[in-house]
């Protein structure tokens, strides 16, 4: 029987505290929830990213407004569309 594992949110390797502070400020300015996706420059968007984003959205629940910021060098076109 296959077991399902939960994807974990990953922290940016540098400036985590500073970026979190900025994201909180942007949330207030936008009047909604900002969800950010930073991909490793050597990585690419794939189906696992879609699953991780889905799990994150389930975790935060219904929001009046959600803003999505994606920083990526590219990847699977189908997965990108699903994001």
Protein backbone atom coordinates (compact mmCIF):
# COMPACT_ATOMS: atom_id res chain seq x y z
CA UNK A 1 0.00 0.00 0.00
CA UNK A 2 1.40 3.40 -0.98
CA UNK A 3 1.61 6.05 1.69
CA UNK A 4 0.95 9.67 0.89
CA UNK A 5 3.52 12.16 2.15
CA UNK A 6 2.82 15.82 2.74
CA UNK A 7 4.99 18.33 0.93
CA UNK A 8 6.71 20.76 3.26
CA UNK A 9 7.03 24.47 2.67
CA UNK A 10 10.63 25.36 2.03
CA UNK A 11 12.42 28.44 3.20
CA UNK A 12 14.49 30.64 0.88
CA UNK A 13 18.15 29.93 1.58
CA UNK A 14 18.94 33.56 2.44
CA UNK A 15 17.16 36.62 3.85
CA UNK A 16 14.20 34.60 5.15
CA UNK A 17 13.30 37.00 7.97
CA UNK A 18 13.55 40.02 5.68
CA UNK A 19 11.41 38.44 2.95
CA UNK A 20 8.75 37.39 5.47
CA UNK A 21 8.58 40.94 6.80
CA UNK A 22 8.14 42.31 3.28
CA UNK A 23 5.46 39.72 2.46
CA UNK A 24 3.50 40.73 5.58
CA UNK A 25 3.68 44.38 4.50
CA UNK A 26 2.52 43.52 0.97
CA UNK A 27 -0.39 41.47 2.43
CA UNK A 28 -1.56 44.59 4.26
CA UNK A 29 -1.17 46.83 1.19
CA UNK A 30 -3.05 44.40 -1.07
CA UNK A 31 -5.76 43.64 1.45
CA UNK A 32 -5.43 39.95 0.73
CA UNK A 33 -3.18 36.94 1.08
CA UNK A 34 0.05 36.87 -0.92
CA UNK A 35 1.30 33.37 -1.75
CA UNK A 36 4.85 33.27 -3.07
CA UNK A 37 6.59 30.52 -5.02
CA UNK A 38 10.37 30.72 -5.38
CA UNK A 39 11.99 28.05 -7.47
CA UNK A 40 15.67 27.19 -7.41
CA UNK A 41 17.43 28.63 -10.48
CA UNK A 42 18.57 25.09 -11.32
CA UNK A 43 15.08 23.66 -10.78
CA UNK A 44 11.92 23.79 -12.83
CA UNK A 45 8.18 23.79 -12.27
CA UNK A 46 6.84 20.24 -12.04
CA UNK A 47 3.72 18.39 -10.90
CA UNK A 48 5.00 18.20 -7.30
CA UNK A 49 4.82 22.00 -7.20
CA UNK A 50 1.15 21.86 -8.16
CA UNK A 51 0.50 19.42 -5.32
CA UNK A 52 2.42 21.56 -2.83
CA UNK A 53 0.48 24.70 -3.84
CA UNK A 54 -2.81 22.81 -3.59
CA UNK A 55 -1.94 21.62 -0.08
CA UNK A 56 -0.94 25.15 0.93
CA UNK A 57 -4.24 26.57 -0.35
CA UNK A 58 -6.14 23.89 1.55
CA UNK A 59 -4.17 24.79 4.67
CA UNK A 60 -4.92 28.54 4.50
CA UNK A 61 -8.57 27.91 3.65
CA UNK A 62 -11.02 30.26 1.96
CA UNK A 63 -9.66 33.77 1.41
CA UNK A 64 -11.49 36.74 -0.06
CA UNK A 65 -8.47 37.58 -2.25
CA UNK A 66 -5.33 35.58 -2.98
CA UNK A 67 -2.39 37.01 -4.90
CA UNK A 68 0.20 34.65 -6.40
CA UNK A 69 3.83 35.63 -7.04
CA UNK A 70 5.89 33.07 -8.97
CA UNK A 71 9.67 33.33 -9.41
CA UNK A 72 10.83 30.53 -11.66
CA UNK A 73 13.12 29.94 -14.63
CA UNK A 74 10.54 27.73 -16.33
CA UNK A 75 9.67 24.08 -16.38
CA UNK A 76 6.86 21.76 -17.38
CA UNK A 77 4.28 23.74 -19.37
CA UNK A 78 1.37 21.58 -18.25
CA UNK A 79 2.34 21.91 -14.57
CA UNK A 80 2.79 25.65 -15.02
CA UNK A 81 -0.76 25.95 -16.38
CA UNK A 82 -2.08 23.96 -13.42
CA UNK A 83 -0.41 26.36 -10.97
